[in-house]
């Protein structure tokens, strides 16, 4: 019998450009699930480096871990600090556009 080994998928390994990060976060936002978006945001932060993003966002590293932990409900201003530190921005469009 042959044993098949499967490595766990880590999205952070593929988030290597601003364009990829923006597409990934946009796709997560389209799902209309806050926990999914925060998980995607955590993937991006991991890809960029927790300590660096925390510093760029003006947050403590421990605070960043808490804000992105499963089940966390970070404040809007915390999310916006992270988004800006990652070099992306949110835009809006009419539904169906």
N, C-alpha and C. Protein backbone atom coordinates (compact mmCIF):
# COMPACT_ATOMS: atom_id res chain seq x y z
N UNK A 1 0.83 -1.17 0.00
CA UNK A 1 0.00 0.00 0.00
C UNK A 1 0.88 1.25 0.00
N UNK A 2 0.58 2.17 -0.85
CA UNK A 2 1.34 3.41 -0.96
C UNK A 2 0.72 4.46 -0.05
N UNK A 3 1.56 5.14 0.71
CA UNK A 3 1.10 6.22 1.57
C UNK A 3 1.27 7.54 0.83
N UNK A 4 0.21 8.28 0.80
CA UNK A 4 0.26 9.60 0.17
C UNK A 4 0.37 10.65 1.26
N UNK A 5 1.35 11.50 1.12
CA UNK A 5 1.54 12.58 2.09
C UNK A 5 1.10 13.89 1.45
N UNK A 6 0.31 14.61 2.18
CA UNK A 6 -0.20 15.88 1.68
C UNK A 6 0.27 16.98 2.63
N UNK A 7 0.91 17.97 2.07
CA UNK A 7 1.36 19.11 2.86
C UNK A 7 0.20 20.08 3.04
N UNK A 8 0.09 20.69 4.21
CA UNK A 8 -0.98 21.66 4.41
C UNK A 8 -0.80 22.87 3.49
N UNK A 9 -1.90 23.38 3.00
CA UNK A 9 -1.86 24.55 2.12
C UNK A 9 -1.64 25.80 2.95
N UNK A 10 -0.75 26.66 2.53
CA UNK A 10 -0.49 27.92 3.20
C UNK A 10 -0.54 29.03 2.15
N UNK A 11 -1.64 29.77 2.16
CA UNK A 11 -1.84 30.83 1.17
C UNK A 11 -0.73 31.87 1.23
N UNK A 12 -0.15 32.08 2.40
CA UNK A 12 0.88 33.11 2.55
C UNK A 12 2.07 32.87 1.62
N UNK A 13 2.31 31.61 1.25
CA UNK A 13 3.43 31.30 0.37
C UNK A 13 3.22 31.85 -1.05
N UNK A 14 1.99 32.16 -1.42
CA UNK A 14 1.68 32.61 -2.78
C UNK A 14 1.40 34.11 -2.86
N UNK A 15 1.40 34.78 -1.74
CA UNK A 15 1.07 36.21 -1.71
C UNK A 15 2.36 37.02 -1.81
N UNK A 16 2.92 37.04 -3.01
CA UNK A 16 4.25 37.62 -3.19
C UNK A 16 4.28 38.92 -4.00
N UNK A 17 3.11 39.48 -4.26
CA UNK A 17 3.08 40.77 -4.97
C UNK A 17 1.88 41.57 -4.50
N UNK A 18 1.94 42.87 -4.70
CA UNK A 18 0.82 43.73 -4.31
C UNK A 18 -0.45 43.35 -5.06
N UNK A 19 -0.29 42.99 -6.34
CA UNK A 19 -1.45 42.61 -7.15
C UNK A 19 -2.10 41.35 -6.61
N UNK A 20 -1.29 40.34 -6.25
CA UNK A 20 -1.83 39.10 -5.71
C UNK A 20 -2.52 39.34 -4.38
N UNK A 21 -1.91 40.16 -3.54
CA UNK A 21 -2.50 40.49 -2.24
C UNK A 21 -3.83 41.21 -2.42
N UNK A 22 -3.87 42.18 -3.32
CA UNK A 22 -5.11 42.92 -3.56
C UNK A 22 -6.21 42.00 -4.08
N UNK A 23 -5.89 41.11 -4.99
CA UNK A 23 -6.89 40.17 -5.52
C UNK A 23 -7.38 39.21 -4.44
N UNK A 24 -6.46 38.73 -3.63
CA UNK A 24 -6.81 37.80 -2.55
C UNK A 24 -7.76 38.46 -1.55
N UNK A 25 -7.44 39.67 -1.13
CA UNK A 25 -8.30 40.37 -0.17
C UNK A 25 -9.64 40.74 -0.81
N UNK A 26 -9.63 41.13 -2.08
CA UNK A 26 -10.88 41.46 -2.78
C UNK A 26 -11.79 40.23 -2.86
N UNK A 27 -11.22 39.08 -3.18
CA UNK A 27 -12.01 37.85 -3.26
C UNK A 27 -12.59 37.50 -1.90
N UNK A 28 -11.82 37.71 -0.84
CA UNK A 28 -12.33 37.43 0.51
C UNK A 28 -13.47 38.38 0.87
N UNK A 29 -13.34 39.64 0.49
CA UNK A 29 -14.41 40.62 0.76
C UNK A 29 -15.70 40.28 0.03
N UNK A 30 -15.59 39.74 -1.16
CA UNK A 30 -16.77 39.40 -1.96
C UNK A 30 -17.61 38.30 -1.32
N UNK A 31 -17.03 37.52 -0.44
CA UNK A 31 -17.76 36.43 0.21
C UNK A 31 -18.69 36.92 1.31
N UNK A 32 -18.58 38.17 1.71
CA UNK A 32 -19.45 38.77 2.72
C UNK A 32 -19.43 37.98 4.03
N UNK A 33 -18.23 37.54 4.42
CA UNK A 33 -18.03 36.79 5.67
C UNK A 33 -16.86 37.42 6.41
N UNK A 34 -17.14 38.18 7.47
CA UNK A 34 -16.06 38.88 8.17
C UNK A 34 -14.94 37.96 8.65
N UNK A 35 -15.28 36.76 9.11
CA UNK A 35 -14.24 35.86 9.60
C UNK A 35 -13.34 35.39 8.46
N UNK A 36 -13.91 35.20 7.28
CA UNK A 36 -13.11 34.81 6.12
C UNK A 36 -12.17 35.95 5.72
N UNK A 37 -12.68 37.17 5.73
CA UNK A 37 -11.83 38.31 5.40
C UNK A 37 -10.68 38.45 6.40
N UNK A 38 -10.98 38.30 7.69
CA UNK A 38 -9.92 38.42 8.69
C UNK A 38 -8.89 37.29 8.55
N UNK A 39 -9.34 36.10 8.17
CA UNK A 39 -8.39 35.00 7.93
C UNK A 39 -7.50 35.33 6.73
N UNK A 40 -8.09 35.90 5.69
CA UNK A 40 -7.30 36.30 4.52
C UNK A 40 -6.32 37.41 4.90
N UNK A 41 -6.77 38.35 5.69
CA UNK A 41 -5.90 39.43 6.15
C UNK A 41 -4.74 38.85 6.97
N UNK A 42 -5.02 37.87 7.79
CA UNK A 42 -3.97 37.21 8.58
C UNK A 42 -2.96 36.51 7.66
N UNK A 43 -3.44 35.89 6.59
CA UNK A 43 -2.54 35.26 5.62
C UNK A 43 -1.60 36.29 5.00
N UNK A 44 -2.15 37.43 4.65
CA UNK A 44 -1.34 38.49 4.03
C UNK A 44 -0.32 39.03 5.03
N UNK A 45 -0.76 39.25 6.25
CA UNK A 45 0.17 39.74 7.28
C UNK A 45 1.29 38.73 7.50
N UNK A 46 0.95 37.46 7.54
CA UNK A 46 1.97 36.41 7.69
C UNK A 46 2.95 36.45 6.52
N UNK A 47 2.44 36.64 5.32
CA UNK A 47 3.30 36.69 4.14
C UNK A 47 4.27 37.86 4.21
N UNK A 48 3.83 38.97 4.75
CA UNK A 48 4.67 40.17 4.82
C UNK A 48 5.56 40.19 6.05
N UNK A 49 5.22 39.40 7.06
CA UNK A 49 5.99 39.37 8.31
C UNK A 49 5.23 40.10 9.41
N UNK A 50 4.86 39.36 10.43
CA UNK A 50 4.06 39.92 11.51
C UNK A 50 4.72 41.13 12.16
N UNK A 51 6.00 41.01 12.49
CA UNK A 51 6.68 42.10 13.18
C UNK A 51 6.74 43.36 12.31
N UNK A 52 7.03 43.19 11.03
CA UNK A 52 7.12 44.34 10.14
C UNK A 52 5.77 45.02 9.97
N UNK A 53 4.72 44.24 9.76
CA UNK A 53 3.38 44.83 9.58
C UNK A 53 2.94 45.50 10.87
N UNK A 54 3.19 44.87 12.00
CA UNK A 54 2.82 45.49 13.28
C UNK A 54 3.49 46.85 13.43
N UNK A 55 4.78 46.91 13.11
CA UNK A 55 5.51 48.17 13.20
C UNK A 55 4.95 49.20 12.22
N UNK A 56 4.73 48.79 10.97
CA UNK A 56 4.21 49.71 9.96
C UNK A 56 2.81 50.22 10.30
N UNK A 57 2.03 49.39 11.00
CA UNK A 57 0.66 49.77 11.36
C UNK A 57 0.60 50.52 12.69
N UNK A 58 1.72 50.58 13.38
CA UNK A 58 1.74 51.26 14.68
C UNK A 58 1.07 50.43 15.77
N UNK A 59 1.15 49.11 15.64
CA UNK A 59 0.55 48.22 16.62
C UNK A 59 1.63 47.37 17.28
N UNK A 60 1.35 46.91 18.48
CA UNK A 60 2.24 45.94 19.11
C UNK A 60 2.04 44.59 18.44
N UNK A 61 3.09 43.79 18.40
CA UNK A 61 2.98 42.49 17.76
C UNK A 61 1.94 41.61 18.45
N UNK A 62 1.88 41.67 19.78
CA UNK A 62 0.90 40.88 20.51
C UNK A 62 -0.52 41.33 20.17
N UNK A 63 -0.71 42.64 20.04
CA UNK A 63 -2.02 43.18 19.67
C UNK A 63 -2.43 42.70 18.28
N UNK A 64 -1.46 42.62 17.39
CA UNK A 64 -1.74 42.15 16.04
C UNK A 64 -2.17 40.70 16.06
N UNK A 65 -1.47 39.87 16.81
CA UNK A 65 -1.86 38.46 16.92
C UNK A 65 -3.27 38.33 17.47
N UNK A 66 -3.60 39.12 18.49
CA UNK A 66 -4.95 39.07 19.08
C UNK A 66 -6.00 39.53 18.09
N UNK A 67 -5.71 40.59 17.35
CA UNK A 67 -6.68 41.13 16.39
C UNK A 67 -6.99 40.16 15.27
N UNK A 68 -6.02 39.31 14.91
CA UNK A 68 -6.19 38.39 13.79
C UNK A 68 -6.47 36.95 14.22
N UNK A 69 -6.63 36.73 15.51
CA UNK A 69 -6.92 35.38 16.00
C UNK A 69 -8.33 34.96 15.56
N UNK A 70 -8.54 33.68 15.30
CA UNK A 70 -9.88 33.21 14.94
C UNK A 70 -10.91 33.63 16.00
N UNK A 71 -12.02 34.17 15.54
CA UNK A 71 -13.07 34.61 16.44
C UNK A 71 -12.91 36.03 16.95
N UNK A 72 -11.78 36.67 16.64
CA UNK A 72 -11.56 38.04 17.09
C UNK A 72 -12.47 39.00 16.33
N UNK A 73 -12.76 40.09 16.95
CA UNK A 73 -13.57 41.13 16.32
C UNK A 73 -12.80 42.46 16.44
N UNK A 74 -11.78 42.62 15.57
CA UNK A 74 -10.96 43.84 15.67
C UNK A 74 -11.77 45.08 15.31
N UNK A 75 -11.33 46.19 15.85
CA UNK A 75 -11.97 47.47 15.56
C UNK A 75 -11.70 47.87 14.11
N UNK A 76 -12.59 48.67 13.59
CA UNK A 76 -12.45 49.18 12.22
C UNK A 76 -11.11 49.88 12.03
N UNK A 77 -10.73 50.73 12.98
CA UNK A 77 -9.47 51.47 12.82
C UNK A 77 -8.27 50.53 12.81
N UNK A 78 -8.33 49.42 13.53
CA UNK A 78 -7.24 48.45 13.50
C UNK A 78 -7.13 47.81 12.13
N UNK A 79 -8.27 47.42 11.57
CA UNK A 79 -8.28 46.82 10.24
C UNK A 79 -7.74 47.81 9.21
N UNK A 80 -8.16 49.05 9.30
CA UNK A 80 -7.70 50.05 8.34
C UNK A 80 -6.20 50.32 8.49
N UNK A 81 -5.67 50.32 9.70
CA UNK A 81 -4.23 50.46 9.90
C UNK A 81 -3.48 49.33 9.21
N UNK A 82 -4.01 48.12 9.34
CA UNK A 82 -3.37 46.96 8.71
C UNK A 82 -3.43 47.06 7.20
N UNK A 83 -4.58 47.42 6.68
CA UNK A 83 -4.75 47.54 5.23
C UNK A 83 -3.77 48.56 4.67
N UNK A 84 -3.67 49.70 5.32
CA UNK A 84 -2.74 50.74 4.86
C UNK A 84 -1.29 50.28 4.99
N UNK A 85 -0.97 49.58 6.08
CA UNK A 85 0.40 49.08 6.27
C UNK A 85 0.77 48.06 5.20
N UNK A 86 -0.25 47.36 4.68
CA UNK A 86 -0.01 46.37 3.63
C UNK A 86 0.06 46.99 2.24
N UNK A 87 -0.26 48.29 2.14
CA UNK A 87 -0.16 48.97 0.86
C UNK A 87 -1.33 48.74 -0.07
N UNK A 88 -2.49 48.42 0.49
CA UNK A 88 -3.69 48.27 -0.33
C UNK A 88 -4.76 49.22 0.19
N UNK A 89 -5.83 49.38 -0.59
CA UNK A 89 -6.93 50.23 -0.15
C UNK A 89 -8.25 49.59 -0.56
N UNK A 90 -9.30 49.96 0.13
CA UNK A 90 -10.63 49.49 -0.21
C UNK A 90 -11.27 50.49 -1.16
N UNK A 91 -12.00 49.98 -2.13
CA UNK A 91 -12.78 50.83 -3.02
C UNK A 91 -14.18 50.24 -3.10
N UNK A 92 -15.12 51.03 -3.57
CA UNK A 92 -16.48 50.56 -3.71
C UNK A 92 -16.93 50.63 -5.15
N UNK A 93 -17.92 49.82 -5.46
CA UNK A 93 -18.50 49.82 -6.80
C UNK A 93 -19.98 49.46 -6.64
N UNK A 94 -20.81 49.88 -7.58
CA UNK A 94 -22.21 49.52 -7.50
C UNK A 94 -22.38 47.98 -7.58
N UNK A 95 -23.37 47.48 -6.90
CA UNK A 95 -23.63 46.04 -6.94
C UNK A 95 -23.96 45.66 -8.38
N UNK A 96 -23.39 44.57 -8.83
CA UNK A 96 -23.62 44.11 -10.20
C UNK A 96 -22.65 44.70 -11.20
N UNK A 97 -21.74 45.54 -10.73
CA UNK A 97 -20.78 46.16 -11.66
C UNK A 97 -19.61 45.25 -11.92
